[in-house]
Amino acid sequence: MLSRSALLGLFSLALVASSADAQQPTGQTELDCSRFTLNPDGSWSVKQPLELFSEIGRVRISPGPPFKPGMSFGGLDIARMLDEQCR
């Protein structure tokens, strides 16, 4: 019979595994348009740090240089996605 601490450890491991499954990328990334600004030149700037989940994993985005169409960041063309979802 397993000890109480061993059972607790197994339960914790199962909980972590199930939450990791819930965060797996679906192949379609939805962006919150309110967290980005469309610049006059057609590029996009992020207003505050955020995380996305893509096919390659977690992508962290921080304010900085704007995203221009055709530019890949973490395997994602953020500007193209924003053009499709937010215009």
PDB file of N, CA and C in Angstrom:
ATOM      1  N   MET A   1       0.846  -1.191   0.000  1.00  0.00           N
ATOM      2  CA  MET A   1       0.000   0.000   0.000  1.00  0.00           C
ATOM      3  C   MET A   1       0.884   1.245   0.000  1.00  0.00           C
ATOM      4  N   LEU A   2       0.486   2.249  -0.792  1.00  0.00           N
ATOM      5  CA  LEU A   2       1.255   3.478  -0.894  1.00  0.00           C
ATOM      6  C   LEU A   2       1.045   4.355   0.331  1.00  0.00           C
ATOM      7  N   SER A   3       2.108   5.045   0.727  1.00  0.00           N
ATOM      8  CA  SER A   3       2.003   5.963   1.860  1.00  0.00           C
ATOM      9  C   SER A   3       1.194   7.188   1.450  1.00  0.00           C
ATOM     10  N   ARG A   4       0.784   7.922   2.434  1.00  0.00           N
ATOM     11  CA  ARG A   4      -0.010   9.125   2.183  1.00  0.00           C
ATOM     12  C   ARG A   4       0.783  10.123   1.346  1.00  0.00           C
ATOM     13  N   SER A   5       2.083  10.285   1.643  1.00  0.00           N
ATOM     14  CA  SER A   5       2.897  11.244   0.887  1.00  0.00           C
ATOM     15  C   SER A   5       3.087  10.782  -0.554  1.00  0.00           C
ATOM     16  N   ALA A   6       3.200   9.463  -0.786  1.00  0.00           N
ATOM     17  CA  ALA A   6       3.323   8.957  -2.153  1.00  0.00           C
ATOM     18  C   ALA A   6       2.041   9.202  -2.931  1.00  0.00           C
ATOM     19  N   LEU A   7       0.889   8.988  -2.302  1.00  0.00           N
ATOM     20  CA  LEU A   7      -0.395   9.250  -2.956  1.00  0.00           C
ATOM     21  C   LEU A   7      -0.544  10.731  -3.287  1.00  0.00           C
ATOM     22  N   LEU A   8      -0.138  11.580  -2.350  1.00  0.00           N
ATOM     23  CA  LEU A   8      -0.216  13.024  -2.576  1.00  0.00           C
ATOM     24  C   LEU A   8       0.686  13.423  -3.748  1.00  0.00           C
ATOM     25  N   GLY A   9       1.879  12.819  -3.826  1.00  0.00           N
ATOM     26  CA  GLY A   9       2.793  13.098  -4.928  1.00  0.00           C
ATOM     27  C   GLY A   9       2.211  12.668  -6.262  1.00  0.00           C
ATOM     28  N   LEU A  10       1.593  11.499  -6.304  1.00  0.00           N
ATOM     29  CA  LEU A  10       0.971  11.027  -7.545  1.00  0.00           C
ATOM     30  C   LEU A  10      -0.188  11.915  -7.962  1.00  0.00           C
ATOM     31  N   PHE A  11      -0.976  12.349  -6.996  1.00  0.00           N
ATOM     32  CA  PHE A  11      -2.097  13.243  -7.286  1.00  0.00           C
ATOM     33  C   PHE A  11      -1.582  14.565  -7.847  1.00  0.00           C
ATOM     34  N   SER A  12      -0.524  15.099  -7.243  1.00  0.00           N
ATOM     35  CA  SER A  12       0.049  16.362  -7.720  1.00  0.00           C
ATOM     36  C   SER A  12       0.574  16.226  -9.135  1.00  0.00           C
ATOM     37  N   LEU A  13       1.237  15.099  -9.418  1.00  0.00           N
ATOM     38  CA  LEU A  13       1.760  14.853 -10.753  1.00  0.00           C
ATOM     39  C   LEU A  13       0.620  14.768 -11.773  1.00  0.00           C
ATOM     40  N   ALA A  14      -0.453  14.089 -11.423  1.00  0.00           N
ATOM     41  CA  ALA A  14      -1.605  13.971 -12.320  1.00  0.00           C
ATOM     42  C   ALA A  14      -2.238  15.339 -12.560  1.00  0.00           C
ATOM     43  N   LEU A  15      -2.296  16.165 -11.538  1.00  0.00           N
ATOM     44  CA  LEU A  15      -2.876  17.503 -11.659  1.00  0.00           C
ATOM     45  C   LEU A  15      -2.036  18.360 -12.603  1.00  0.00           C
ATOM     46  N   VAL A  16      -0.712  18.299 -12.448  1.00  0.00           N
ATOM     47  CA  VAL A  16       0.172  19.067 -13.325  1.00  0.00           C
ATOM     48  C   VAL A  16       0.038  18.577 -14.758  1.00  0.00           C
ATOM     49  N   ALA A  17      -0.012  17.283 -14.953  1.00  0.00           N
ATOM     50  CA  ALA A  17      -0.139  16.727 -16.297  1.00  0.00           C
ATOM     51  C   ALA A  17      -1.443  17.151 -16.949  1.00  0.00           C
ATOM     52  N   SER A  18      -2.527  17.156 -16.196  1.00  0.00           N
ATOM     53  CA  SER A  18      -3.809  17.533 -16.790  1.00  0.00           C
ATOM     54  C   SER A  18      -3.849  19.014 -17.107  1.00  0.00           C
ATOM     55  N   SER A  19      -3.218  19.868 -16.285  1.00  0.00           N
ATOM     56  CA  SER A  19      -3.211  21.297 -16.601  1.00  0.00           C
ATOM     57  C   SER A  19      -2.308  21.569 -17.794  1.00  0.00           C
ATOM     58  N   ALA A  20      -1.226  20.792 -17.954  1.00  0.00           N
ATOM     59  CA  ALA A  20      -0.358  20.958 -19.119  1.00  0.00           C
ATOM     60  C   ALA A  20      -1.111  20.566 -20.383  1.00  0.00           C
ATOM     61  N   ASP A  21      -1.920  19.516 -20.313  1.00  0.00           N
ATOM     62  CA  ASP A  21      -2.721  19.118 -21.474  1.00  0.00           C
ATOM     63  C   ASP A  21      -3.686  20.219 -21.860  1.00  0.00           C
ATOM     64  N   ALA A  22      -4.244  20.905 -20.890  1.00  0.00           N
ATOM     65  CA  ALA A  22      -5.219  21.956 -21.165  1.00  0.00           C
ATOM     66  C   ALA A  22      -4.573  23.145 -21.864  1.00  0.00           C
ATOM     67  N   GLN A  23      -3.251  23.308 -21.717  1.00  0.00           N
ATOM     68  CA  GLN A  23      -2.573  24.448 -22.307  1.00  0.00           C
ATOM     69  C   GLN A  23      -1.903  24.111 -23.628  1.00  0.00           C
ATOM     70  N   GLN A  24      -2.061  22.921 -24.129  1.00  0.00           N
ATOM     71  CA  GLN A  24      -1.446  22.543 -25.384  1.00  0.00           C
ATOM     72  C   GLN A  24      -2.044  23.352 -26.521  1.00  0.00           C
ATOM     73  N   PRO A  25      -1.221  23.745 -27.488  1.00  0.00           N
ATOM     74  CA  PRO A  25      -1.727  24.533 -28.612  1.00  0.00           C
ATOM     75  C   PRO A  25      -2.732  23.749 -29.441  1.00  0.00           C
ATOM     76  N   THR A  26      -3.680  24.476 -29.972  1.00  0.00           N
ATOM     77  CA  THR A  26      -4.719  23.851 -30.783  1.00  0.00           C
ATOM     78  C   THR A  26      -4.457  24.042 -32.270  1.00  0.00           C
ATOM     79  N   GLY A  27      -3.397  24.797 -32.592  1.00  0.00           N
ATOM     80  CA  GLY A  27      -3.119  25.077 -33.993  1.00  0.00           C
ATOM     81  C   GLY A  27      -3.752  26.381 -34.448  1.00  0.00           C
ATOM     82  N   GLN A  28      -4.627  26.930 -33.638  1.00  0.00           N
ATOM     83  CA  GLN A  28      -5.248  28.214 -33.954  1.00  0.00           C
ATOM     84  C   GLN A  28      -5.061  29.105 -32.748  1.00  0.00           C
ATOM     85  N   THR A  29      -4.415  30.233 -32.948  1.00  0.00           N
ATOM     86  CA  THR A  29      -4.138  31.144 -31.857  1.00  0.00           C
ATOM     87  C   THR A  29      -5.028  32.372 -31.993  1.00  0.00           C
ATOM     88  N   GLU A  30      -5.849  32.615 -31.004  1.00  0.00           N
ATOM     89  CA  GLU A  30      -6.697  33.805 -30.994  1.00  0.00           C
ATOM     90  C   GLU A  30      -5.973  34.904 -30.223  1.00  0.00           C
ATOM     91  N   LEU A  31      -5.961  36.091 -30.763  1.00  0.00           N
ATOM     92  CA  LEU A  31      -5.314  37.223 -30.118  1.00  0.00           C
ATOM     93  C   LEU A  31      -6.367  38.165 -29.558  1.00  0.00           C
ATOM     94  N   ASP A  32      -6.053  38.781 -28.436  1.00  0.00           N
ATOM     95  CA  ASP A  32      -6.919  39.794 -27.838  1.00  0.00           C
ATOM     96  C   ASP A  32      -6.537  41.130 -28.473  1.00  0.00           C
ATOM     97  N   CYS A  33      -7.344  41.590 -29.400  1.00  0.00           N
ATOM     98  CA  CYS A  33      -7.040  42.803 -30.169  1.00  0.00           C
ATOM     99  C   CYS A  33      -6.830  44.027 -29.283  1.00  0.00           C
ATOM    100  N   SER A  34      -7.476  44.070 -28.136  1.00  0.00           N
ATOM    101  CA  SER A  34      -7.355  45.235 -27.249  1.00  0.00           C
ATOM    102  C   SER A  34      -5.956  45.359 -26.643  1.00  0.00           C
ATOM    103  N   ARG A  35      -5.137  44.323 -26.774  1.00  0.00           N
ATOM    104  CA  ARG A  35      -3.790  44.359 -26.209  1.00  0.00           C
ATOM    105  C   ARG A  35      -2.738  44.821 -27.216  1.00  0.00           C
ATOM    106  N   PHE A  36      -3.198  45.204 -28.413  1.00  0.00           N
ATOM    107  CA  PHE A  36      -2.302  45.661 -29.475  1.00  0.00           C
ATOM    108  C   PHE A  36      -2.782  46.988 -30.029  1.00  0.00           C
ATOM    109  N   THR A  37      -1.848  47.741 -30.607  1.00  0.00           N
ATOM    110  CA  THR A  37      -2.154  49.012 -31.270  1.00  0.00           C
ATOM    111  C   THR A  37      -1.746  48.905 -32.730  1.00  0.00           C
ATOM    112  N   LEU A  38      -2.649  49.309 -33.635  1.00  0.00           N
ATOM    113  CA  LEU A  38      -2.328  49.361 -35.057  1.00  0.00           C
ATOM    114  C   LEU A  38      -1.630  50.692 -35.330  1.00  0.00           C
ATOM    115  N   ASN A  39      -0.413  50.628 -35.844  1.00  0.00           N
ATOM    116  CA  ASN A  39       0.375  51.829 -36.132  1.00  0.00           C
ATOM    117  C   ASN A  39       0.046  52.358 -37.524  1.00  0.00           C
ATOM    118  N   PRO A  40       0.293  53.658 -37.777  1.00  0.00           N
ATOM    119  CA  PRO A  40      -0.023  54.262 -39.079  1.00  0.00           C
ATOM    120  C   PRO A  40       0.627  53.551 -40.266  1.00  0.00           C
ATOM    121  N   ASP A  41       1.787  52.918 -40.061  1.00  0.00           N
ATOM    122  CA  ASP A  41       2.469  52.238 -41.165  1.00  0.00           C
ATOM    123  C   ASP A  41       1.972  50.812 -41.388  1.00  0.00           C
ATOM    124  N   GLY A  42       0.931  50.383 -40.641  1.00  0.00           N
ATOM    125  CA  GLY A  42       0.371  49.047 -40.796  1.00  0.00           C
ATOM    126  C   GLY A  42       0.986  48.000 -39.888  1.00  0.00           C
ATOM    127  N   SER A  43       2.011  48.376 -39.110  1.00  0.00           N
ATOM    128  CA  SER A  43       2.600  47.453 -38.149  1.00  0.00           C
ATOM    129  C   SER A  43       1.762  47.474 -36.866  1.00  0.00           C
ATOM    130  N   TRP A  44       2.024  46.521 -35.985  1.00  0.00           N
ATOM    131  CA  TRP A  44       1.289  46.405 -34.724  1.00  0.00           C
ATOM    132  C   TRP A  44       2.256  46.441 -33.546  1.00  0.00           C
ATOM    133  N   SER A  45       1.857  47.110 -32.465  1.00  0.00           N
ATOM    134  CA  SER A  45       2.647  47.148 -31.239  1.00  0.00           C
ATOM    135  C   SER A  45       1.835  46.548 -30.102  1.00  0.00           C
ATOM    136  N   VAL A  46       2.507  45.792 -29.243  1.00  0.00           N
ATOM    137  CA  VAL A  46       1.841  45.219 -28.083  1.00  0.00           C
ATOM    138  C   VAL A  46       1.866  46.253 -26.959  1.00  0.00           C
ATOM    139  N   LYS A  47       0.745  46.389 -26.240  1.00  0.00           N
ATOM    140  CA  LYS A  47       0.623  47.382 -25.179  1.00  0.00           C
ATOM    141  C   LYS A  47       1.206  46.894 -23.861  1.00  0.00           C
ATOM    142  N   GLN A  48       1.079  45.595 -23.596  1.00  0.00           N
ATOM    143  CA  GLN A  48       1.554  45.033 -22.334  1.00  0.00           C
ATOM    144  C   GLN A  48       1.990  43.589 -22.580  1.00  0.00           C
ATOM    145  N   PRO A  49       2.886  43.060 -21.734  1.00  0.00           N
ATOM    146  CA  PRO A  49       3.367  41.691 -21.944  1.00  0.00           C
ATOM    147  C   PRO A  49       2.219  40.679 -21.961  1.00  0.00           C
ATOM    148  N   LEU A  50       2.379  39.651 -22.797  1.00  0.00           N
ATOM    149  CA  LEU A  50       1.389  38.574 -22.859  1.00  0.00           C
ATOM    150  C   LEU A  50       2.053  37.294 -23.333  1.00  0.00           C
ATOM    151  N   GLU A  51       1.348  36.183 -23.188  1.00  0.00           N
ATOM    152  CA  GLU A  51       1.826  34.882 -23.633  1.00  0.00           C
ATOM    153  C   GLU A  51       0.816  34.273 -24.590  1.00  0.00           C
ATOM    154  N   LEU A  52       1.323  33.628 -25.621  1.00  0.00           N
ATOM    155  CA  LEU A  52       0.506  32.886 -26.569  1.00  0.00           C
ATOM    156  C   LEU A  52       1.005  31.454 -26.596  1.00  0.00           C
ATOM    157  N   PHE A  53       0.177  30.553 -27.039  1.00  0.00           N
ATOM    158  CA  PHE A  53       0.583  29.166 -27.211  1.00  0.00           C
ATOM    159  C   PHE A  53       0.439  28.829 -28.683  1.00  0.00           C
ATOM    160  N   SER A  54       1.557  28.482 -29.300  1.00  0.00           N
ATOM    161  CA  SER A  54       1.566  28.142 -30.722  1.00  0.00           C
ATOM    162  C   SER A  54       1.932  26.677 -30.882  1.00  0.00           C
ATOM    163  N   GLU A  55       2.056  26.250 -32.114  1.00  0.00           N
ATOM    164  CA  GLU A  55       2.424  24.863 -32.387  1.00  0.00           C
ATOM    165  C   GLU A  55       3.818  24.532 -31.886  1.00  0.00           C
ATOM    166  N   ILE A  56       4.677  25.549 -31.725  1.00  0.00           N
ATOM    167  CA  ILE A  56       6.027  25.285 -31.228  1.00  0.00           C
ATOM    168  C   ILE A  56       6.128  25.455 -29.716  1.00  0.00           C
ATOM    169  N   GLY A  57       5.077  25.899 -29.082  1.00  0.00           N
ATOM    170  CA  GLY A  57       5.080  26.067 -27.629  1.00  0.00           C
ATOM    171  C   GLY A  57       4.686  27.467 -27.211  1.00  0.00           C
ATOM    172  N   ARG A  58       5.120  27.825 -26.022  1.00  0.00           N
ATOM    173  CA  ARG A  58       4.766  29.120 -25.428  1.00  0.00           C
ATOM    174  C   ARG A  58       5.586  30.232 -26.074  1.00  0.00           C
ATOM    175  N   VAL A  59       4.912  31.332 -26.416  1.00  0.00           N
ATOM    176  CA  VAL A  59       5.553  32.502 -26.995  1.00  0.00           C
ATOM    177  C   VAL A  59       5.239  33.682 -26.096  1.00  0.00           C
ATOM    178  N   ARG A  60       6.281  34.288 -25.548  1.00  0.00           N
ATOM    179  CA  ARG A  60       6.110  35.474 -24.690  1.00  0.00           C
ATOM    180  C   ARG A  60       6.378  36.719 -25.521  1.00  0.00           C
ATOM    181  N   ILE A  61       5.466  37.678 -25.433  1.00  0.00           N
ATOM    182  CA  ILE A  61       5.579  38.922 -26.192  1.00  0.00           C
ATOM    183  C   ILE A  61       5.615  40.082 -25.208  1.00  0.00           C
ATOM    184  N   SER A  62       6.615  40.951 -25.371  1.00  0.00           N
ATOM    185  CA  SER A  62       6.760  42.136 -24.527  1.00  0.00           C
ATOM    186  C   SER A  62       6.737  43.372 -25.406  1.00  0.00           C
ATOM    187  N   PRO A  63       6.366  44.523 -24.833  1.00  0.00           N
ATOM    188  CA  PRO A  63       6.420  45.763 -25.607  1.00  0.00           C
ATOM    189  C   PRO A  63       7.832  45.986 -26.153  1.00  0.00           C
ATOM    190  N   GLY A  64       7.909  46.458 -27.349  1.00  0.00           N
ATOM    191  CA  GLY A  64       9.199  46.685 -27.993  1.00  0.00           C
ATOM    192  C   GLY A  64       8.984  47.053 -29.437  1.00  0.00           C
ATOM    193  N   PRO A  65       9.887  46.615 -30.304  1.00  0.00           N
ATOM    194  CA  PRO A  65       9.715  46.926 -31.730  1.00  0.00           C
ATOM    195  C   PRO A  65       8.387  46.395 -32.253  1.00  0.00           C
ATOM    196  N   PRO A  66       7.791  47.108 -33.208  1.00  0.00           N
ATOM    197  CA  PRO A  66       6.495  46.671 -33.738  1.00  0.00           C
ATOM    198  C   PRO A  66       6.615  45.416 -34.600  1.00  0.00           C
ATOM    199  N   PHE A  67       5.491  44.736 -34.753  1.00  0.00           N
ATOM    200  CA  PHE A  67       5.397  43.558 -35.612  1.00  0.00           C
ATOM    201  C   PHE A  67       4.949  44.015 -36.988  1.00  0.00           C
ATOM    202  N   LYS A  68       5.743  43.680 -37.998  1.00  0.00           N
ATOM    203  CA  LYS A  68       5.424  44.045 -39.378  1.00  0.00           C
ATOM    204  C   LYS A  68       4.980  42.799 -40.131  1.00  0.00           C
ATOM    205  N   PRO A  69       4.092  42.943 -41.110  1.00  0.00           N
ATOM    206  CA  PRO A  69       3.650  41.789 -41.891  1.00  0.00           C
ATOM    207  C   PRO A  69       4.828  41.026 -42.484  1.00  0.00           C
ATOM    208  N   GLY A  70       4.774  39.706 -42.388  1.00  0.00           N
ATOM    209  CA  GLY A  70       5.830  38.842 -42.897  1.00  0.00           C
ATOM    210  C   GLY A  70       6.926  38.542 -41.892  1.00  0.00           C
ATOM    211  N   MET A  71       6.934  39.254 -40.775  1.00  0.00           N
ATOM    212  CA  MET A  71       7.942  39.045 -39.739  1.00  0.00           C
ATOM    213  C   MET A  71       7.515  37.886 -38.843  1.00  0.00           C
ATOM    214  N   SER A  72       8.405  36.920 -38.630  1.00  0.00           N
ATOM    215  CA  SER A  72       8.094  35.777 -37.787  1.00  0.00           C
ATOM    216  C   SER A  72       8.619  36.015 -36.375  1.00  0.00           C
ATOM    217  N   PHE A  73       7.786  35.752 -35.384  1.00  0.00           N
ATOM    218  CA  PHE A  73       8.181  35.860 -33.985  1.00  0.00           C
ATOM    219  C   PHE A  73       7.701  34.604 -33.282  1.00  0.00           C
ATOM    220  N   GLY A  74       8.618  33.782 -32.828  1.00  0.00           N
ATOM    221  CA  GLY A  74       8.236  32.521 -32.187  1.00  0.00           C
ATOM    222  C   GLY A  74       7.488  31.602 -33.125  1.00  0.00           C
ATOM    223  N   GLY A  75       7.783  31.720 -34.415  1.00  0.00           N
ATOM    224  CA  GLY A  75       7.100  30.895 -35.406  1.00  0.00           C
ATOM    225  C   GLY A  75       5.743  31.431 -35.832  1.00  0.00           C
ATOM    226  N   LEU A  76       5.379  32.599 -35.335  1.00  0.00           N
ATOM    227  CA  LEU A  76       4.077  33.192 -35.656  1.00  0.00           C
ATOM    228  C   LEU A  76       4.265  34.503 -36.413  1.00  0.00           C
ATOM    229  N   ASP A  77       3.425  34.757 -37.394  1.00  0.00           N
ATOM    230  CA  ASP A  77       3.375  36.055 -38.072  1.00  0.00           C
ATOM    231  C   ASP A  77       2.296  36.855 -37.349  1.00  0.00           C
ATOM    232  N   ILE A  78       2.707  37.523 -36.274  1.00  0.00           N
ATOM    233  CA  ILE A  78       1.774  38.243 -35.398  1.00  0.00           C
ATOM    234  C   ILE A  78       0.998  39.298 -36.179  1.00  0.00           C
ATOM    235  N   ALA A  79       1.689  40.067 -37.022  1.00  0.00           N
ATOM    236  CA  ALA A  79       1.021  41.137 -37.776  1.00  0.00           C
ATOM    237  C   ALA A  79      -0.060  40.574 -38.690  1.00  0.00           C
ATOM    238  N   ARG A  80       0.239  39.475 -39.391  1.00  0.00           N
ATOM    239  CA  ARG A  80      -0.766  38.865 -40.278  1.00  0.00           C
ATOM    240  C   ARG A  80      -1.962  38.387 -39.465  1.00  0.00           C
ATOM    241  N   MET A  81      -1.685  37.753 -38.328  1.00  0.00           N
ATOM    242  CA  MET A  81      -2.779  37.263 -37.476  1.00  0.00           C
ATOM    243  C   MET A  81      -3.646  38.431 -36.998  1.00  0.00           C
ATOM    244  N   LEU A  82      -3.008  39.522 -36.595  1.00  0.00           N
ATOM    245  CA  LEU A  82      -3.769  40.691 -36.140  1.00  0.00           C
ATOM    246  C   LEU A  82      -4.554  41.322 -37.287  1.00  0.00           C
ATOM    247  N   ASP A  83      -3.954  41.372 -38.477  1.00  0.00           N
ATOM    248  CA  ASP A  83      -4.692  41.896 -39.647  1.00  0.00           C
ATOM    249  C   ASP A  83      -5.949  41.074 -39.903  1.00  0.00           C
ATOM    250  N   GLU A  84      -5.841  39.761 -39.784  1.00  0.00           N
ATOM    251  CA  GLU A  84      -6.997  38.884 -40.041  1.00  0.00           C
ATOM    252  C   GLU A  84      -8.047  38.960 -38.930  1.00  0.00           C
ATOM    253  N   GLN A  85      -7.598  39.088 -37.688  1.00  0.00           N
ATOM    254  CA  GLN A  85      -8.527  38.996 -36.553  1.00  0.00           C
ATOM    255  C   GLN A  85      -9.018  40.351 -36.054  1.00  0.00           C
ATOM    256  N   CYS A  86      -8.280  41.432 -36.313  1.00  0.00           N
ATOM    257  CA  CYS A  86      -8.595  42.686 -35.627  1.00  0.00           C
ATOM    258  C   CYS A  86      -8.933  43.856 -36.539  1.00  0.00           C
ATOM    259  N   ARG A  87      -8.854  43.677 -37.831  1.00  0.00           N
ATOM    260  CA  ARG A  87      -9.185  44.803 -38.727  1.00  0.00           C
ATOM    261  C   ARG A  87     -10.633  44.742 -39.120  1.00  0.00           C
TER     262      ARG A  87
END
